[in-house]
């Protein structure tokens, strides 16, 4: 949050707010828009280097691979001639193109985007999902996913389950 507060201009906040309106269920896309401008803090005054790649690598451990991939693809949309260049990259290519278009349009002042603190729960949600997806030390501090039965896994024989100890239930 401190790094986000240090970013000037509020463009990331406006980008995230616009993405929230257009894609309310894609929290990772919204967070990619929010953190995109962290590159100005990673390499201050350096406009020639690919700062999006630095941001992607900086946020990947905390916010996950998809947020990092969207930021990397965002950089490619500028390098390869615009948002249409990523059509072959599938859903994340389309999302990165949306990220590019929204970020470009978010430079306009006057858009009411709320306050940065409104985004802390979303940041925490995305970070928790990245943590679970990474499977740190095999232990998930948030417990088993809803609807799962801890200790039970699918058996290679269709329709049969086994416990993690190898015995049939």
N, C-alpha and C. Protein backbone atom coordinates (compact mmCIF):
# COMPACT_ATOMS: atom_id res chain seq x y z
N UNK A 1 0.83 -1.19 0.00
CA UNK A 1 0.00 0.00 0.00
C UNK A 1 0.87 1.25 0.00
N UNK A 2 2.01 1.19 0.72
CA UNK A 2 2.89 2.36 0.77
C UNK A 2 3.43 2.69 -0.62
N UNK A 3 3.81 1.66 -1.38
CA UNK A 3 4.30 1.91 -2.73
C UNK A 3 3.21 2.50 -3.62
N UNK A 4 2.01 2.02 -3.47
CA UNK A 4 0.91 2.56 -4.28
C UNK A 4 0.63 4.02 -3.91
N UNK A 5 0.75 4.34 -2.63
CA UNK A 5 0.57 5.74 -2.22
C UNK A 5 1.66 6.64 -2.81
N UNK A 6 2.84 6.07 -3.03
CA UNK A 6 3.95 6.86 -3.55
C UNK A 6 3.83 7.15 -5.05
N UNK A 7 3.01 6.39 -5.75
CA UNK A 7 2.81 6.64 -7.19
C UNK A 7 2.07 7.96 -7.36
N UNK A 8 2.52 8.73 -8.31
CA UNK A 8 1.92 10.05 -8.53
C UNK A 8 0.82 10.00 -9.58
N UNK A 9 -0.10 10.88 -9.46
CA UNK A 9 -1.10 11.07 -10.49
C UNK A 9 -2.37 10.26 -10.35
N UNK A 10 -2.32 9.11 -9.69
CA UNK A 10 -3.51 8.31 -9.49
C UNK A 10 -4.00 7.57 -10.72
N UNK A 11 -3.14 7.43 -11.74
CA UNK A 11 -3.57 6.75 -12.96
C UNK A 11 -3.89 5.28 -12.71
N UNK A 12 -3.09 4.62 -11.87
CA UNK A 12 -3.35 3.22 -11.54
C UNK A 12 -4.69 3.06 -10.84
N UNK A 13 -4.99 3.97 -9.96
CA UNK A 13 -6.27 3.95 -9.24
C UNK A 13 -7.43 4.14 -10.21
N UNK A 14 -7.28 5.07 -11.14
CA UNK A 14 -8.34 5.29 -12.14
C UNK A 14 -8.47 4.08 -13.06
N UNK A 15 -7.33 3.48 -13.44
CA UNK A 15 -7.37 2.28 -14.29
C UNK A 15 -8.13 1.16 -13.59
N UNK A 16 -7.79 0.93 -12.32
CA UNK A 16 -8.45 -0.13 -11.55
C UNK A 16 -9.95 0.14 -11.41
N UNK A 17 -10.31 1.38 -11.18
CA UNK A 17 -11.73 1.73 -11.03
C UNK A 17 -12.49 1.49 -12.32
N UNK A 18 -11.90 1.86 -13.44
CA UNK A 18 -12.56 1.61 -14.74
C UNK A 18 -12.69 0.12 -15.02
N UNK A 19 -11.64 -0.64 -14.69
CA UNK A 19 -11.69 -2.10 -14.89
C UNK A 19 -12.71 -2.75 -13.97
N UNK A 20 -12.86 -2.22 -12.77
CA UNK A 20 -13.86 -2.75 -11.84
C UNK A 20 -15.27 -2.58 -12.42
N UNK A 21 -15.51 -1.44 -13.05
CA UNK A 21 -16.83 -1.20 -13.65
C UNK A 21 -17.08 -2.10 -14.86
N UNK A 22 -16.05 -2.26 -15.70
CA UNK A 22 -16.21 -3.03 -16.94
C UNK A 22 -16.08 -4.54 -16.72
N UNK A 23 -15.27 -4.96 -15.75
CA UNK A 23 -15.01 -6.38 -15.49
C UNK A 23 -15.06 -6.64 -13.99
N UNK A 24 -16.26 -6.58 -13.41
CA UNK A 24 -16.37 -6.63 -11.94
C UNK A 24 -15.90 -7.94 -11.31
N UNK A 25 -15.85 -9.02 -12.07
CA UNK A 25 -15.48 -10.30 -11.49
C UNK A 25 -14.02 -10.66 -11.70
N UNK A 26 -13.29 -9.87 -12.48
CA UNK A 26 -11.89 -10.17 -12.77
C UNK A 26 -11.00 -9.33 -11.85
N UNK A 27 -10.84 -9.80 -10.62
CA UNK A 27 -10.07 -9.07 -9.61
C UNK A 27 -8.60 -8.97 -10.00
N UNK A 28 -8.05 -10.01 -10.61
CA UNK A 28 -6.64 -9.98 -11.00
C UNK A 28 -6.39 -8.92 -12.07
N UNK A 29 -7.30 -8.76 -13.00
CA UNK A 29 -7.18 -7.72 -14.01
C UNK A 29 -7.23 -6.34 -13.35
N UNK A 30 -8.14 -6.15 -12.42
CA UNK A 30 -8.25 -4.88 -11.72
C UNK A 30 -6.96 -4.55 -10.97
N UNK A 31 -6.41 -5.55 -10.29
CA UNK A 31 -5.18 -5.34 -9.52
C UNK A 31 -4.00 -5.09 -10.44
N UNK A 32 -3.96 -5.74 -11.59
CA UNK A 32 -2.90 -5.45 -12.57
C UNK A 32 -2.95 -3.98 -12.97
N UNK A 33 -4.15 -3.45 -13.18
CA UNK A 33 -4.28 -2.03 -13.50
C UNK A 33 -3.85 -1.13 -12.36
N UNK A 34 -4.14 -1.56 -11.14
CA UNK A 34 -3.78 -0.76 -9.97
C UNK A 34 -2.27 -0.65 -9.79
N UNK A 35 -1.55 -1.75 -10.00
CA UNK A 35 -0.11 -1.77 -9.71
C UNK A 35 0.76 -1.46 -10.92
N UNK A 36 0.16 -1.28 -12.06
CA UNK A 36 0.91 -1.09 -13.30
C UNK A 36 1.91 0.04 -13.24
N UNK A 37 1.59 1.12 -12.57
CA UNK A 37 2.47 2.29 -12.56
C UNK A 37 3.57 2.22 -11.50
N UNK A 38 3.73 1.08 -10.84
CA UNK A 38 4.81 0.94 -9.87
C UNK A 38 6.18 1.02 -10.55
N UNK A 39 6.23 0.86 -11.85
CA UNK A 39 7.50 0.95 -12.57
C UNK A 39 8.18 2.28 -12.40
N UNK A 40 7.41 3.34 -12.22
CA UNK A 40 8.01 4.66 -12.03
C UNK A 40 8.79 4.72 -10.72
N UNK A 41 8.45 3.84 -9.77
CA UNK A 41 9.19 3.79 -8.51
C UNK A 41 10.38 2.84 -8.59
N UNK A 42 10.26 1.80 -9.42
CA UNK A 42 11.34 0.83 -9.55
C UNK A 42 12.51 1.41 -10.34
N UNK A 43 12.21 2.21 -11.34
CA UNK A 43 13.24 2.85 -12.15
C UNK A 43 12.87 4.31 -12.37
N UNK A 44 13.03 5.14 -11.35
CA UNK A 44 12.63 6.53 -11.48
C UNK A 44 13.39 7.25 -12.59
N UNK A 45 12.66 7.99 -13.40
CA UNK A 45 13.25 8.78 -14.47
C UNK A 45 13.68 7.99 -15.68
N UNK A 46 13.58 6.68 -15.63
CA UNK A 46 14.01 5.83 -16.74
C UNK A 46 12.79 5.46 -17.58
N UNK A 47 12.56 6.20 -18.65
CA UNK A 47 11.40 5.93 -19.50
C UNK A 47 11.75 5.02 -20.66
N UNK A 48 13.05 4.75 -20.88
CA UNK A 48 13.47 3.94 -22.03
C UNK A 48 13.42 2.45 -21.74
N UNK A 49 13.55 2.03 -20.48
CA UNK A 49 13.60 0.60 -20.18
C UNK A 49 12.19 0.03 -20.10
N UNK A 50 12.06 -1.28 -20.28
CA UNK A 50 10.74 -1.92 -20.18
C UNK A 50 10.31 -2.07 -18.73
N UNK A 51 9.76 -1.02 -18.16
CA UNK A 51 9.40 -1.01 -16.75
C UNK A 51 8.29 -2.00 -16.41
N UNK A 52 7.40 -2.28 -17.35
CA UNK A 52 6.33 -3.23 -17.07
C UNK A 52 6.89 -4.60 -16.70
N UNK A 53 7.99 -4.99 -17.34
CA UNK A 53 8.60 -6.28 -17.01
C UNK A 53 9.14 -6.28 -15.59
N UNK A 54 9.70 -5.15 -15.16
CA UNK A 54 10.19 -5.02 -13.78
C UNK A 54 9.03 -5.11 -12.80
N UNK A 55 7.93 -4.46 -13.12
CA UNK A 55 6.75 -4.51 -12.25
C UNK A 55 6.22 -5.93 -12.18
N UNK A 56 6.15 -6.60 -13.33
CA UNK A 56 5.64 -7.98 -13.36
C UNK A 56 6.46 -8.88 -12.44
N UNK A 57 7.76 -8.78 -12.51
CA UNK A 57 8.61 -9.63 -11.67
C UNK A 57 8.54 -9.22 -10.20
N UNK A 58 8.35 -7.94 -9.95
CA UNK A 58 8.26 -7.48 -8.56
C UNK A 58 6.97 -7.94 -7.88
N UNK A 59 5.86 -7.98 -8.61
CA UNK A 59 4.57 -8.33 -7.98
C UNK A 59 4.24 -9.82 -8.06
N UNK A 60 4.93 -10.56 -8.93
CA UNK A 60 4.60 -11.98 -9.12
C UNK A 60 4.60 -12.79 -7.82
N UNK A 61 5.61 -12.67 -6.94
CA UNK A 61 5.58 -13.48 -5.72
C UNK A 61 4.40 -13.17 -4.80
N UNK A 62 3.94 -11.94 -4.81
CA UNK A 62 2.85 -11.56 -3.91
C UNK A 62 1.47 -11.69 -4.54
N UNK A 63 1.35 -11.29 -5.80
CA UNK A 63 0.03 -11.22 -6.43
C UNK A 63 -0.22 -12.33 -7.45
N UNK A 64 0.75 -13.16 -7.71
CA UNK A 64 0.53 -14.33 -8.53
C UNK A 64 0.94 -14.19 -9.98
N UNK A 65 0.98 -15.34 -10.62
CA UNK A 65 1.46 -15.43 -12.00
C UNK A 65 0.53 -14.73 -12.98
N UNK A 66 -0.79 -14.80 -12.79
CA UNK A 66 -1.68 -14.18 -13.76
C UNK A 66 -1.55 -12.66 -13.75
N UNK A 67 -1.45 -12.04 -12.60
CA UNK A 67 -1.27 -10.59 -12.55
C UNK A 67 0.03 -10.22 -13.25
N UNK A 68 1.10 -10.97 -12.97
CA UNK A 68 2.38 -10.70 -13.62
C UNK A 68 2.28 -10.89 -15.13
N UNK A 69 1.59 -11.95 -15.56
CA UNK A 69 1.43 -12.22 -17.00
C UNK A 69 0.65 -11.09 -17.68
N UNK A 70 -0.40 -10.60 -17.04
CA UNK A 70 -1.17 -9.50 -17.62
C UNK A 70 -0.31 -8.26 -17.79
N UNK A 71 0.55 -8.00 -16.81
CA UNK A 71 1.43 -6.82 -16.89
C UNK A 71 2.47 -7.02 -17.99
N UNK A 72 3.04 -8.22 -18.09
CA UNK A 72 4.01 -8.49 -19.17
C UNK A 72 3.34 -8.37 -20.53
N UNK A 73 2.14 -8.92 -20.66
CA UNK A 73 1.42 -8.82 -21.94
C UNK A 73 1.03 -7.37 -22.23
N UNK A 74 0.73 -6.60 -21.20
CA UNK A 74 0.45 -5.17 -21.37
C UNK A 74 1.63 -4.50 -22.06
N UNK A 75 2.83 -4.86 -21.64
CA UNK A 75 4.03 -4.29 -22.27
C UNK A 75 4.10 -4.68 -23.74
N UNK A 76 3.72 -5.92 -24.04
CA UNK A 76 3.75 -6.38 -25.44
C UNK A 76 2.75 -5.66 -26.31
N UNK A 77 1.63 -5.24 -25.75
CA UNK A 77 0.64 -4.53 -26.57
C UNK A 77 1.22 -3.24 -27.09
N UNK A 78 2.09 -2.62 -26.32
CA UNK A 78 2.75 -1.39 -26.76
C UNK A 78 3.88 -1.68 -27.73
N UNK A 79 4.60 -2.80 -27.51
CA UNK A 79 5.75 -3.15 -28.33
C UNK A 79 5.34 -3.67 -29.70
N UNK A 80 4.19 -4.31 -29.80
CA UNK A 80 3.83 -5.01 -31.03
C UNK A 80 2.71 -4.35 -31.81
N UNK A 81 2.49 -3.10 -31.60
CA UNK A 81 1.54 -2.41 -32.45
C UNK A 81 0.13 -2.30 -31.94
N UNK A 82 -0.10 -2.46 -30.66
CA UNK A 82 -1.41 -2.18 -30.12
C UNK A 82 -2.15 -3.40 -29.64
N UNK A 83 -3.33 -3.20 -29.11
CA UNK A 83 -4.11 -4.26 -28.48
C UNK A 83 -4.46 -5.41 -29.42
N UNK A 84 -4.62 -5.14 -30.70
CA UNK A 84 -4.97 -6.21 -31.63
C UNK A 84 -3.88 -7.25 -31.81
N UNK A 85 -2.66 -6.92 -31.42
CA UNK A 85 -1.53 -7.83 -31.60
C UNK A 85 -1.59 -9.04 -30.68
N UNK A 86 -2.44 -9.04 -29.66
CA UNK A 86 -2.48 -10.14 -28.70
C UNK A 86 -3.66 -11.07 -28.86
N UNK A 87 -4.37 -10.98 -29.95
CA UNK A 87 -5.55 -11.83 -30.14
C UNK A 87 -5.20 -13.30 -30.05
N UNK A 88 -4.01 -13.69 -30.49
CA UNK A 88 -3.61 -15.09 -30.46
C UNK A 88 -3.22 -15.56 -29.07
N UNK A 89 -3.06 -14.66 -28.12
CA UNK A 89 -2.63 -15.03 -26.77
C UNK A 89 -3.79 -15.52 -25.90
N UNK A 90 -4.97 -15.66 -26.46
CA UNK A 90 -6.10 -16.19 -25.71
C UNK A 90 -6.71 -15.20 -24.75
N UNK A 91 -7.40 -15.72 -23.72
CA UNK A 91 -8.12 -14.84 -22.79
C UNK A 91 -7.21 -13.82 -22.09
N UNK A 92 -6.00 -14.23 -21.71
CA UNK A 92 -5.12 -13.27 -21.06
C UNK A 92 -4.62 -12.22 -22.04
N UNK A 93 -4.50 -12.58 -23.31
CA UNK A 93 -4.14 -11.59 -24.32
C UNK A 93 -5.24 -10.55 -24.49
N UNK A 94 -6.47 -11.02 -24.50
CA UNK A 94 -7.60 -10.09 -24.58
C UNK A 94 -7.68 -9.22 -23.34
N UNK A 95 -7.45 -9.82 -22.17
CA UNK A 95 -7.48 -9.05 -20.93
C UNK A 95 -6.35 -8.02 -20.91
N UNK A 96 -5.16 -8.39 -21.42
CA UNK A 96 -4.04 -7.45 -21.48
C UNK A 96 -4.34 -6.31 -22.44
N UNK A 97 -5.01 -6.62 -23.53
CA UNK A 97 -5.40 -5.56 -24.48
C UNK A 97 -6.39 -4.61 -23.80
N UNK A 98 -7.32 -5.16 -23.02
CA UNK A 98 -8.26 -4.33 -22.27
C UNK A 98 -7.50 -3.49 -21.24
N UNK A 99 -6.53 -4.10 -20.59
CA UNK A 99 -5.70 -3.38 -19.62
C UNK A 99 -5.00 -2.21 -20.31
N UNK A 100 -4.43 -2.43 -21.48
CA UNK A 100 -3.73 -1.38 -22.22
C UNK A 100 -4.69 -0.24 -22.58
N UNK A 101 -5.84 -0.59 -23.15
CA UNK A 101 -6.81 0.43 -23.56
C UNK A 101 -7.31 1.23 -22.37
N UNK A 102 -7.59 0.54 -21.27
CA UNK A 102 -8.12 1.21 -20.09
C UNK A 102 -7.05 2.10 -19.46
N UNK A 103 -5.83 1.60 -19.37
CA UNK A 103 -4.74 2.39 -18.80
C UNK A 103 -4.48 3.64 -19.64
N UNK A 104 -4.51 3.48 -20.96
CA UNK A 104 -4.31 4.64 -21.84
C UNK A 104 -5.42 5.68 -21.64
N UNK A 105 -6.65 5.23 -21.45
CA UNK A 105 -7.78 6.13 -21.26
C UNK A 105 -7.88 6.70 -19.86
N UNK A 106 -7.20 6.09 -18.89
CA UNK A 106 -7.30 6.52 -17.50
C UNK A 106 -6.47 7.75 -17.21
N UNK A 107 -5.70 8.22 -18.17
CA UNK A 107 -4.89 9.41 -17.95
C UNK A 107 -5.72 10.67 -17.81
N UNK A 108 -6.96 10.62 -18.24
CA UNK A 108 -7.82 11.81 -18.17
C UNK A 108 -8.13 12.14 -16.71
N UNK A 109 -7.89 13.35 -16.35
CA UNK A 109 -8.18 13.79 -14.99
C UNK A 109 -9.69 13.96 -14.83
N UNK A 110 -10.13 13.94 -13.61
CA UNK A 110 -11.53 14.20 -13.33
C UNK A 110 -12.35 12.96 -13.05
N UNK A 111 -11.86 11.78 -13.39
CA UNK A 111 -12.58 10.55 -13.12
C UNK A 111 -12.56 10.28 -11.62
N UNK A 112 -13.70 10.10 -11.02
CA UNK A 112 -13.79 9.80 -9.60
C UNK A 112 -13.48 8.30 -9.43
N UNK A 113 -12.34 8.04 -8.80
CA UNK A 113 -11.88 6.66 -8.69
C UNK A 113 -11.88 6.13 -7.26
N UNK A 114 -12.36 6.91 -6.32
CA UNK A 114 -12.35 6.47 -4.93
C UNK A 114 -10.99 6.69 -4.31
N UNK A 115 -10.72 5.95 -3.24
CA UNK A 115 -9.45 6.09 -2.54
C UNK A 115 -8.72 4.76 -2.56
N UNK A 116 -7.42 4.83 -2.41
CA UNK A 116 -6.59 3.65 -2.48
C UNK A 116 -6.94 2.62 -1.41
N UNK A 117 -7.34 3.07 -0.24
CA UNK A 117 -7.67 2.14 0.83
C UNK A 117 -8.83 1.21 0.46
N UNK A 118 -9.69 1.65 -0.46
CA UNK A 118 -10.79 0.80 -0.92
C UNK A 118 -10.27 -0.48 -1.57
N UNK A 119 -9.03 -0.45 -2.05
CA UNK A 119 -8.47 -1.58 -2.78
C UNK A 119 -7.73 -2.57 -1.90
N UNK A 120 -7.51 -2.24 -0.64
CA UNK A 120 -6.76 -3.15 0.22
C UNK A 120 -7.42 -4.53 0.34
N UNK A 121 -8.74 -4.64 0.54
CA UNK A 121 -9.35 -5.98 0.60
C UNK A 121 -9.18 -6.76 -0.70
N UNK A 122 -9.23 -6.09 -1.84
CA UNK A 122 -9.06 -6.77 -3.12
C UNK A 122 -7.62 -7.23 -3.27
N UNK A 123 -6.67 -6.39 -2.89
CA UNK A 123 -5.26 -6.79 -2.90
C UNK A 123 -5.03 -8.02 -2.03
N UNK A 124 -5.62 -8.01 -0.84
CA UNK A 124 -5.47 -9.14 0.07
C UNK A 124 -6.11 -10.41 -0.49
N UNK A 125 -7.25 -10.27 -1.15
CA UNK A 125 -7.92 -11.41 -1.75
C UNK A 125 -7.07 -12.02 -2.86
N UNK A 126 -6.54 -11.18 -3.74
CA UNK A 126 -5.70 -11.68 -4.84
C UNK A 126 -4.41 -12.28 -4.29
N UNK A 127 -3.82 -11.65 -3.29
CA UNK A 127 -2.59 -12.18 -2.68
C UNK A 127 -2.86 -13.53 -2.02
N UNK A 128 -4.00 -13.68 -1.35
CA UNK A 128 -4.34 -14.96 -0.73
C UNK A 128 -4.53 -16.04 -1.78
N UNK A 129 -5.16 -15.69 -2.89
CA UNK A 129 -5.33 -16.65 -3.98
C UNK A 129 -3.99 -17.06 -4.58
N UNK A 130 -3.07 -16.11 -4.72
CA UNK A 130 -1.74 -16.42 -5.24
C UNK A 130 -1.00 -17.32 -4.26
N UNK A 131 -1.17 -17.08 -2.99
CA UNK A 131 -0.52 -17.88 -1.96
C UNK A 131 -1.02 -19.32 -2.02
N UNK A 132 -2.33 -19.48 -2.13
CA UNK A 132 -2.91 -20.83 -2.21
C UNK A 132 -2.48 -21.52 -3.48
N UNK A 133 -2.45 -20.80 -4.60
CA UNK A 133 -2.08 -21.41 -5.88
C UNK A 133 -0.63 -21.84 -5.87
N UNK A 134 0.20 -21.12 -5.16
CA UNK A 134 1.62 -21.45 -5.11
C UNK A 134 1.85 -22.67 -4.24
N UNK A 135 0.94 -22.93 -3.28
CA UNK A 135 1.04 -24.09 -2.42
C UNK A 135 2.26 -24.05 -1.51
N UNK A 136 2.47 -22.96 -0.86
CA UNK A 136 3.64 -22.77 0.00
C UNK A 136 3.74 -23.88 1.04
N UNK A 137 4.85 -24.63 0.99
CA UNK A 137 5.17 -25.68 1.95
C UNK A 137 4.07 -26.73 2.07
N UNK A 138 3.18 -26.80 1.11
CA UNK A 138 2.12 -27.78 1.15
C UNK A 138 1.04 -27.48 2.17
N UNK A 139 1.16 -26.40 2.91
CA UNK A 139 0.17 -26.05 3.92
C UNK A 139 -0.57 -24.80 3.49
N UNK A 140 -1.85 -24.87 3.47
CA UNK A 140 -2.66 -23.72 3.12
C UNK A 140 -3.23 -23.14 4.40
N UNK A 141 -2.78 -21.93 4.81
CA UNK A 141 -3.26 -21.38 6.07
C UNK A 141 -4.74 -21.06 6.06
N UNK A 142 -5.34 -21.03 4.87
CA UNK A 142 -6.76 -20.72 4.79
C UNK A 142 -7.61 -21.99 4.80
N UNK A 143 -6.97 -23.16 4.88
CA UNK A 143 -7.71 -24.41 4.94
C UNK A 143 -8.02 -24.95 3.55
N UNK A 144 -8.77 -26.02 3.53
CA UNK A 144 -9.16 -26.66 2.28
C UNK A 144 -10.20 -25.82 1.56
N UNK A 145 -10.23 -25.88 0.23
CA UNK A 145 -11.26 -25.15 -0.50
C UNK A 145 -12.64 -25.62 -0.07
N UNK A 146 -13.60 -24.71 -0.13
CA UNK A 146 -14.98 -25.04 0.24
C UNK A 146 -15.47 -26.19 -0.62
N UNK A 147 -16.08 -27.16 0.03
CA UNK A 147 -16.64 -28.30 -0.69
C UNK A 147 -15.67 -29.45 -0.83
N UNK A 148 -14.40 -29.28 -0.44
CA UNK A 148 -13.46 -30.38 -0.54
C UNK A 148 -13.47 -31.17 0.76
N UNK A 149 -13.04 -32.38 0.68
CA UNK A 149 -12.94 -33.23 1.85
C UNK A 149 -11.46 -33.46 2.09
N UNK A 150 -10.93 -32.90 3.16
CA UNK A 150 -9.51 -33.02 3.44
C UNK A 150 -9.14 -34.48 3.62
N UNK A 151 -8.03 -34.89 3.03
CA UNK A 151 -7.54 -36.25 3.19
C UNK A 151 -8.09 -37.23 2.17
N UNK A 152 -8.99 -36.82 1.30
CA UNK A 152 -9.57 -37.71 0.29
C UNK A 152 -9.10 -37.25 -1.07
N UNK A 153 -8.68 -38.19 -1.87
CA UNK A 153 -8.28 -37.85 -3.24
C UNK A 153 -8.92 -38.80 -4.21
N UNK A 154 -8.98 -38.38 -5.46
CA UNK A 154 -9.58 -39.21 -6.51
C UNK A 154 -8.65 -40.38 -6.81
N UNK A 155 -9.21 -41.57 -6.88
CA UNK A 155 -8.45 -42.77 -7.22
C UNK A 155 -8.33 -42.87 -8.73
N UNK A 156 -7.24 -43.47 -9.24
CA UNK A 156 -7.11 -43.63 -10.69
C UNK A 156 -8.24 -44.45 -11.31
N UNK A 157 -8.89 -45.29 -10.52
CA UNK A 157 -10.02 -46.06 -11.02
C UNK A 157 -11.26 -45.17 -10.94
N UNK A 158 -11.93 -44.92 -12.07
CA UNK A 158 -13.08 -44.01 -12.05
C UNK A 158 -14.13 -44.43 -11.04
N UNK A 159 -14.63 -43.44 -10.28
CA UNK A 159 -15.70 -43.68 -9.34
C UNK A 159 -15.27 -44.16 -7.98
N UNK A 160 -13.98 -44.39 -7.79
CA UNK A 160 -13.48 -44.87 -6.50
C UNK A 160 -12.56 -43.82 -5.91
N UNK A 161 -12.63 -43.62 -4.61
CA UNK A 161 -11.74 -42.68 -3.94
C UNK A 161 -10.88 -43.43 -2.93
N UNK A 162 -9.75 -42.84 -2.62
CA UNK A 162 -8.88 -43.40 -1.59
C UNK A 162 -8.49 -42.29 -0.64
N UNK A 163 -8.16 -42.69 0.58
CA UNK A 163 -7.63 -41.69 1.51
C UNK A 163 -6.19 -41.43 1.14
N UNK A 164 -5.61 -40.40 1.70
CA UNK A 164 -4.23 -40.09 1.41
C UNK A 164 -3.28 -41.15 1.97
N UNK A 165 -3.76 -41.98 2.85
CA UNK A 165 -2.95 -43.06 3.38
C UNK A 165 -3.00 -44.29 2.49
N UNK A 166 -3.75 -44.25 1.43
CA UNK A 166 -3.80 -45.35 0.48
C UNK A 166 -4.87 -46.38 0.75
N UNK A 167 -5.67 -46.21 1.79
CA UNK A 167 -6.73 -47.17 2.08
C UNK A 167 -8.05 -46.67 1.53
N UNK A 168 -8.89 -47.57 1.13
CA UNK A 168 -10.22 -47.17 0.68
C UNK A 168 -11.04 -46.72 1.87
N UNK A 169 -11.86 -45.69 1.70
CA UNK A 169 -12.70 -45.20 2.82
C UNK A 169 -13.78 -46.17 3.19
